[in-house]
């Protein structure tokens, strides 16, 4: 299990141990530590062009992130940073095959490539960043999996796209699920559970209920009498979604071996001192990145 020190001592990256055996792979999940942004806290590594942060700060953050990552091409003329390919994410199941540098902004929530020297990036602040790597064919995919993308099977479809485009075999795939909001904190509404139940036979295993208590009701029960038996209206239970398990089940269904699926075990909502969290910070927060690329 990974842990993060809350003490900011420079850019801190998280890497999947299962990817260590692949020297051709460049990958990481960012944290909020070691950057130039000031609007969300001191020295934050915000990697998204948010409305609150300055473009200059984000560009400096991205440059230091790429250098720390080692996404640098050296030549006789010096060193240049790899191009960083991002998407305008819309919580969809749209996946792009990146064969060259995109001419303009693309809309979607997943990218795959077998081209070296380019870095695919997914931005998150509670949703899951998922990296899929074909260890034999030297291909990578990155996917943005919030609950909407998950119910649309973005990761499962991503594996399918790698099979279609690269001839990938599921047994050759390794997967890393980065930091995101976990089942301990991800409270959702009944409508979310209904959507999952309409798509997945195992949906009941993805949710847990917690009975809500109200100290005022417990102390003054007569104030809450209703005509409904047994005489008191009950508060609805809180519903929590295990988004990590939901995506793990999709990967297993796509044929990825259980031993080849790794999760960071870090909840963004539990660790806002080290990770950006939309919920923990009431919507005013920066963006993390999950990135993957291929060395020449």
Protein backbone atom coordinates (compact mmCIF):
# COMPACT_ATOMS: atom_id res chain seq x y z
CA UNK A 1 0.00 0.00 0.00
CA UNK A 2 1.25 3.47 -0.87
CA UNK A 3 1.34 6.31 1.58
CA UNK A 4 2.00 9.99 1.01
CA UNK A 5 3.71 12.36 3.38
CA UNK A 6 1.73 15.54 3.95
CA UNK A 7 4.99 17.48 4.15
CA UNK A 8 5.57 19.19 0.81
CA UNK A 9 9.17 18.54 -0.16
CA UNK A 10 8.92 18.76 -3.95
CA UNK A 11 7.12 17.04 -6.80
CA UNK A 12 5.87 13.64 -5.61
CA UNK A 13 4.74 11.05 -8.14
CA UNK A 14 3.00 7.72 -7.61
CA UNK A 15 3.99 4.78 -9.78
CA UNK A 16 2.53 1.29 -10.09
CA UNK A 17 4.93 -1.43 -8.89
CA UNK A 18 3.58 -3.81 -11.55
CA UNK A 19 4.92 -1.50 -14.26
CA UNK A 20 8.50 -1.47 -12.93
CA UNK A 21 9.49 -4.38 -15.19
CA UNK A 22 8.69 -2.37 -18.34
CA UNK A 23 11.69 -0.11 -19.08
CA UNK A 24 10.04 1.23 -22.24
CA UNK A 25 7.07 2.62 -20.30
CA UNK A 26 6.79 6.14 -18.88
CA UNK A 27 3.92 6.52 -16.42
CA UNK A 28 2.84 8.19 -13.18
CA UNK A 29 -0.04 9.52 -11.14
CA UNK A 30 0.59 13.05 -9.89
CA UNK A 31 -0.06 14.46 -6.43
CA UNK A 32 -0.67 18.09 -5.51
CA UNK A 33 2.78 18.51 -4.00
CA UNK A 34 5.69 20.51 -5.34
CA UNK A 35 4.22 23.01 -7.81
CA UNK A 36 3.78 26.73 -8.42
CA UNK A 37 0.04 27.21 -7.92
CA UNK A 38 -1.16 29.35 -5.00
CA UNK A 39 -4.95 29.53 -5.40
CA UNK A 40 -5.73 26.17 -3.76
CA UNK A 41 -2.91 26.13 -1.26
CA UNK A 42 0.80 26.81 -1.12
CA UNK A 43 3.08 25.24 -3.76
CA UNK A 44 0.40 23.06 -5.39
CA UNK A 45 1.05 21.04 -8.54
CA UNK A 46 -2.21 21.83 -10.31
CA UNK A 47 -1.98 20.33 -13.81
CA UNK A 48 -5.35 21.49 -15.15
CA UNK A 49 -6.24 24.83 -16.74
CA UNK A 50 -8.95 25.61 -14.18
CA UNK A 51 -10.83 28.90 -13.97
CA UNK A 52 -9.16 29.84 -10.68
CA UNK A 53 -5.51 29.22 -11.52
CA UNK A 54 -3.25 31.22 -13.83
CA UNK A 55 -2.17 29.70 -17.14
CA UNK A 56 1.44 30.57 -16.38
CA UNK A 57 1.39 28.60 -13.11
CA UNK A 58 -0.17 25.54 -14.76
CA UNK A 59 2.32 25.61 -17.63
CA UNK A 60 5.20 25.77 -15.13
CA UNK A 61 3.62 22.91 -13.19
CA UNK A 62 3.33 20.78 -16.32
CA UNK A 63 6.94 21.43 -17.26
CA UNK A 64 8.30 20.43 -13.85
CA UNK A 65 6.01 17.39 -13.85
CA UNK A 66 7.30 16.20 -17.23
CA UNK A 67 10.92 16.68 -16.17
CA UNK A 68 10.35 14.76 -12.95
CA UNK A 69 8.67 12.05 -14.97
CA UNK A 70 11.59 11.80 -17.39
CA UNK A 71 9.44 12.57 -20.43
CA UNK A 72 12.31 14.32 -22.16
CA UNK A 73 13.87 13.75 -25.57
CA UNK A 74 17.56 14.63 -25.82
CA UNK A 75 19.32 15.42 -29.07
CA UNK A 76 22.31 17.33 -30.34
CA UNK A 77 20.22 20.49 -30.13
CA UNK A 78 19.42 19.94 -26.46
CA UNK A 79 16.45 18.51 -24.60
CA UNK A 80 12.75 18.88 -25.36
CA UNK A 81 9.73 17.85 -23.33
CA UNK A 82 7.38 15.26 -24.75
CA UNK A 83 4.09 16.63 -26.06
CA UNK A 84 1.30 16.18 -23.52
CA UNK A 85 -1.99 15.08 -25.09
CA UNK A 86 -5.13 15.86 -23.10
CA UNK A 87 -8.87 15.79 -23.74
CA UNK A 88 -11.87 17.94 -22.97
CA UNK A 89 -13.40 15.33 -20.71
CA UNK A 90 -17.17 14.94 -20.69
CA UNK A 91 -17.82 11.74 -18.66
CA UNK A 92 -18.38 9.73 -21.83
CA UNK A 93 -17.25 6.43 -23.36
CA UNK A 94 -15.49 8.17 -26.28
CA UNK A 95 -11.97 6.79 -26.90
CA UNK A 96 -9.42 8.24 -29.33
CA UNK A 97 -6.65 6.35 -31.11
CA UNK A 98 -3.70 8.77 -31.07
CA UNK A 99 -1.52 8.08 -34.11
CA UNK A 100 0.10 11.51 -34.39
CA UNK A 101 -0.09 14.79 -32.55
CA UNK A 102 -3.71 16.00 -32.52
CA UNK A 103 -4.26 19.14 -34.58
CA UNK A 104 -6.71 20.57 -32.07
CA UNK A 105 -8.53 19.80 -28.83
CA UNK A 106 -10.37 16.49 -28.72
CA UNK A 107 -13.46 15.62 -26.73
CA UNK A 108 -13.73 12.31 -24.88
CA UNK A 109 -12.53 10.31 -21.90
CA UNK A 110 -10.04 7.77 -23.19
CA UNK A 111 -6.96 7.56 -25.41
CA UNK A 112 -4.81 4.73 -26.72
CA UNK A 113 -1.52 4.78 -28.63
CA UNK A 114 1.44 2.70 -29.76
CA UNK A 115 3.41 5.76 -30.88
CA UNK A 116 6.55 6.53 -28.85
CA UNK A 117 7.51 9.97 -27.58
CA UNK A 118 4.03 11.24 -26.72
CA UNK A 119 2.39 11.35 -23.30
CA UNK A 120 -1.33 10.63 -22.91
CA UNK A 121 -2.90 12.37 -19.91
CA UNK A 122 -6.18 12.05 -18.01
CA UNK A 123 -7.14 14.77 -15.51
CA UNK A 124 -8.98 13.94 -12.29
CA UNK A 125 -10.03 15.35 -8.93
CA UNK A 126 -12.02 12.38 -7.52
CA UNK A 127 -12.76 10.28 -10.62
CA UNK A 128 -10.41 7.38 -11.30
CA UNK A 129 -7.47 7.60 -13.72
CA UNK A 130 -6.87 4.16 -15.25
CA UNK A 131 -3.74 3.18 -17.19
CA UNK A 132 -3.76 0.02 -19.32
CA UNK A 133 -0.46 -1.28 -20.74
CA UNK A 134 0.18 -4.01 -23.32
CA UNK A 135 3.53 -5.39 -22.20
CA UNK A 136 4.06 -7.36 -25.44
CA UNK A 137 2.95 -4.90 -28.12
CA UNK A 138 4.21 -1.76 -26.37
CA UNK A 139 0.88 0.05 -26.41
CA UNK A 140 -0.84 2.12 -23.71
CA UNK A 141 -4.27 3.46 -22.89
CA UNK A 142 -5.47 6.04 -20.36
CA UNK A 143 -9.07 6.38 -19.23
CA UNK A 144 -11.16 8.77 -17.12
CA UNK A 145 -13.61 6.74 -15.04
CA UNK A 146 -16.15 8.63 -12.98
CA UNK A 147 -19.46 6.97 -12.23
CA UNK A 148 -20.95 8.08 -15.56
CA UNK A 149 -18.02 6.76 -17.59
CA UNK A 150 -17.98 3.59 -15.53
CA UNK A 151 -21.65 2.85 -16.11
CA UNK A 152 -20.93 3.36 -19.84
CA UNK A 153 -18.08 0.80 -19.54
CA UNK A 154 -15.28 3.18 -20.56
CA UNK A 155 -12.49 0.91 -19.28
CA UNK A 156 -14.00 -2.30 -20.65
CA UNK A 157 -14.43 -0.62 -24.03
CA UNK A 158 -10.88 0.71 -23.78
CA UNK A 159 -9.54 -2.83 -23.55
CA UNK A 160 -11.68 -3.70 -26.57
CA UNK A 161 -10.20 -0.80 -28.53
CA UNK A 162 -6.66 -1.96 -27.73
CA UNK A 163 -7.58 -5.44 -28.97
CA UNK A 164 -9.04 -3.96 -32.16
CA UNK A 165 -6.28 -1.44 -32.90
CA UNK A 166 -3.15 -3.23 -31.70
CA UNK A 167 -4.09 -6.90 -31.58
CA UNK A 168 -3.66 -6.85 -27.81
CA UNK A 169 -4.38 -10.02 -25.87
CA UNK A 170 -6.04 -9.53 -22.48
CA UNK A 171 -3.52 -11.85 -20.81
CA UNK A 172 -0.74 -9.44 -21.85
CA UNK A 173 -2.38 -6.39 -20.28
CA UNK A 174 -1.36 -4.81 -17.01
CA UNK A 175 -3.52 -2.16 -15.36
CA UNK A 176 -3.00 0.56 -12.76
CA UNK A 177 -5.94 2.34 -11.13
CA UNK A 178 -4.76 5.63 -9.66
CA UNK A 179 -5.98 7.68 -6.71
CA UNK A 180 -9.66 8.59 -6.68
CA UNK A 181 -12.61 8.75 -4.35
CA UNK A 182 -13.23 5.36 -2.72
CA UNK A 183 -16.20 3.52 -1.29
CA UNK A 184 -15.50 4.94 2.16
CA UNK A 185 -16.48 8.43 0.96
CA UNK A 186 -18.28 8.21 -2.38
CA UNK A 187 -21.88 8.88 -1.40
CA UNK A 188 -24.29 8.76 -4.34
CA UNK A 189 -28.03 8.95 -4.91
CA UNK A 190 -30.50 6.15 -5.53
CA UNK A 191 -30.60 7.11 -9.22
CA UNK A 192 -26.91 6.16 -9.56
CA UNK A 193 -27.52 2.74 -8.05
CA UNK A 194 -30.47 2.23 -10.39
CA UNK A 195 -28.29 2.99 -13.43
CA UNK A 196 -25.68 0.43 -12.32
CA UNK A 197 -28.36 -2.17 -11.58
CA UNK A 198 -29.67 -1.75 -15.13
CA UNK A 199 -26.23 -2.58 -16.57
CA UNK A 200 -24.43 -4.99 -14.25
CA UNK A 201 -25.59 -8.23 -12.66
CA UNK A 202 -23.10 -7.73 -9.83
CA UNK A 203 -24.24 -4.16 -9.06
CA UNK A 204 -25.43 -5.08 -5.56
CA UNK A 205 -21.81 -5.83 -4.60
CA UNK A 206 -20.70 -2.32 -5.56
CA UNK A 207 -22.88 -0.45 -3.06
CA UNK A 208 -23.20 -0.31 0.70
CA UNK A 209 -25.85 1.38 2.79
CA UNK A 210 -25.38 3.27 6.03
CA UNK A 211 -28.44 4.05 8.10
CA UNK A 212 -28.59 7.76 8.74
CA UNK A 213 -29.07 8.94 12.30
CA UNK A 214 -30.44 12.27 13.49
CA UNK A 215 -29.73 13.29 17.12
CA UNK A 216 -32.78 15.60 17.14
CA UNK A 217 -35.08 12.78 16.00
CA UNK A 218 -33.64 10.45 18.61
CA UNK A 219 -34.12 12.98 21.41
CA UNK A 220 -37.57 14.23 20.34
CA UNK A 221 -39.26 11.36 18.44
CA UNK A 222 -42.79 12.77 18.90
CA UNK A 223 -41.91 15.73 16.68
CA UNK A 224 -41.53 13.38 13.75
CA UNK A 225 -44.71 11.31 14.07
CA UNK A 226 -46.42 10.56 10.75
CA UNK A 227 -49.52 8.69 9.69
CA UNK A 228 -47.39 5.91 8.25
CA UNK A 229 -46.83 2.75 10.29
CA UNK A 230 -45.11 2.30 12.63
CA UNK A 231 -45.75 5.97 13.27
CA UNK A 232 -42.41 7.53 12.40
CA UNK A 233 -40.97 8.49 9.03
CA UNK A 234 -37.52 6.99 8.60
CA UNK A 235 -34.57 8.77 7.06
CA UNK A 236 -33.36 7.14 3.85
CA UNK A 237 -30.04 5.29 4.11
CA UNK A 238 -26.85 6.80 2.74
CA UNK A 239 -25.58 4.94 -0.32
CA UNK A 240 -21.87 4.57 -1.08
CA UNK A 241 -20.38 3.36 -4.39
CA UNK A 242 -17.11 1.41 -4.68
CA UNK A 243 -15.88 2.88 -7.96
CA UNK A 244 -12.58 1.00 -7.82
CA UNK A 245 -14.32 -2.37 -7.60
CA UNK A 246 -16.73 -1.38 -10.37
CA UNK A 247 -13.82 -0.82 -12.73
CA UNK A 248 -11.95 -3.89 -11.51
CA UNK A 249 -14.98 -6.02 -12.39
CA UNK A 250 -15.06 -4.55 -15.90
CA UNK A 251 -11.38 -5.34 -16.41
CA UNK A 252 -11.93 -8.92 -15.25
CA UNK A 253 -14.90 -9.22 -17.60
CA UNK A 254 -12.64 -8.02 -20.44
CA UNK A 255 -10.21 -10.86 -19.69
CA UNK A 256 -7.50 -9.04 -17.72
CA UNK A 257 -5.97 -11.31 -15.07
CA UNK A 258 -6.74 -10.38 -11.47
CA UNK A 259 -3.02 -10.45 -10.58
CA UNK A 260 -2.37 -7.83 -13.28
CA UNK A 261 -4.73 -5.23 -11.84
CA UNK A 262 -3.21 -2.82 -9.32
CA UNK A 263 -4.93 -0.06 -7.35
CA UNK A 264 -3.31 2.86 -5.51
CA UNK A 265 -5.54 2.38 -2.42
CA UNK A 266 -5.59 6.15 -1.89
CA UNK A 267 -8.87 8.00 -1.48
CA UNK A 268 -8.73 11.60 -2.69
CA UNK A 269 -11.48 12.67 -0.31
CA UNK A 270 -9.52 11.23 2.64
CA UNK A 271 -6.22 12.90 1.64
CA UNK A 272 -6.93 16.46 0.43
CA UNK A 273 -3.58 17.56 1.87
CA UNK A 274 -1.81 15.49 -0.78
CA UNK A 275 -4.41 14.93 -3.52
CA UNK A 276 -6.95 17.22 -5.17
CA UNK A 277 -10.56 16.33 -4.31
CA UNK A 278 -13.60 18.04 -5.81
CA UNK A 279 -15.81 16.86 -2.96
CA UNK A 280 -13.44 17.55 -0.08
CA UNK A 281 -12.80 21.08 -1.36
CA UNK A 282 -16.38 21.91 -2.36
CA UNK A 283 -15.64 22.20 -6.05
CA UNK A 284 -12.74 24.66 -5.86
CA UNK A 285 -9.72 22.50 -6.52
CA UNK A 286 -6.95 21.68 -8.96
CA UNK A 287 -6.46 18.64 -11.18
CA UNK A 288 -4.28 15.57 -10.88
CA UNK A 289 -3.01 13.63 -13.87
CA UNK A 290 -2.59 9.98 -14.75
CA UNK A 291 -0.16 9.72 -17.67
CA UNK A 292 1.42 7.05 -19.83
CA UNK A 293 3.80 7.05 -22.78
CA UNK A 294 6.29 4.91 -24.69
CA UNK A 295 10.04 5.48 -24.91
CA UNK A 296 11.75 5.38 -28.32
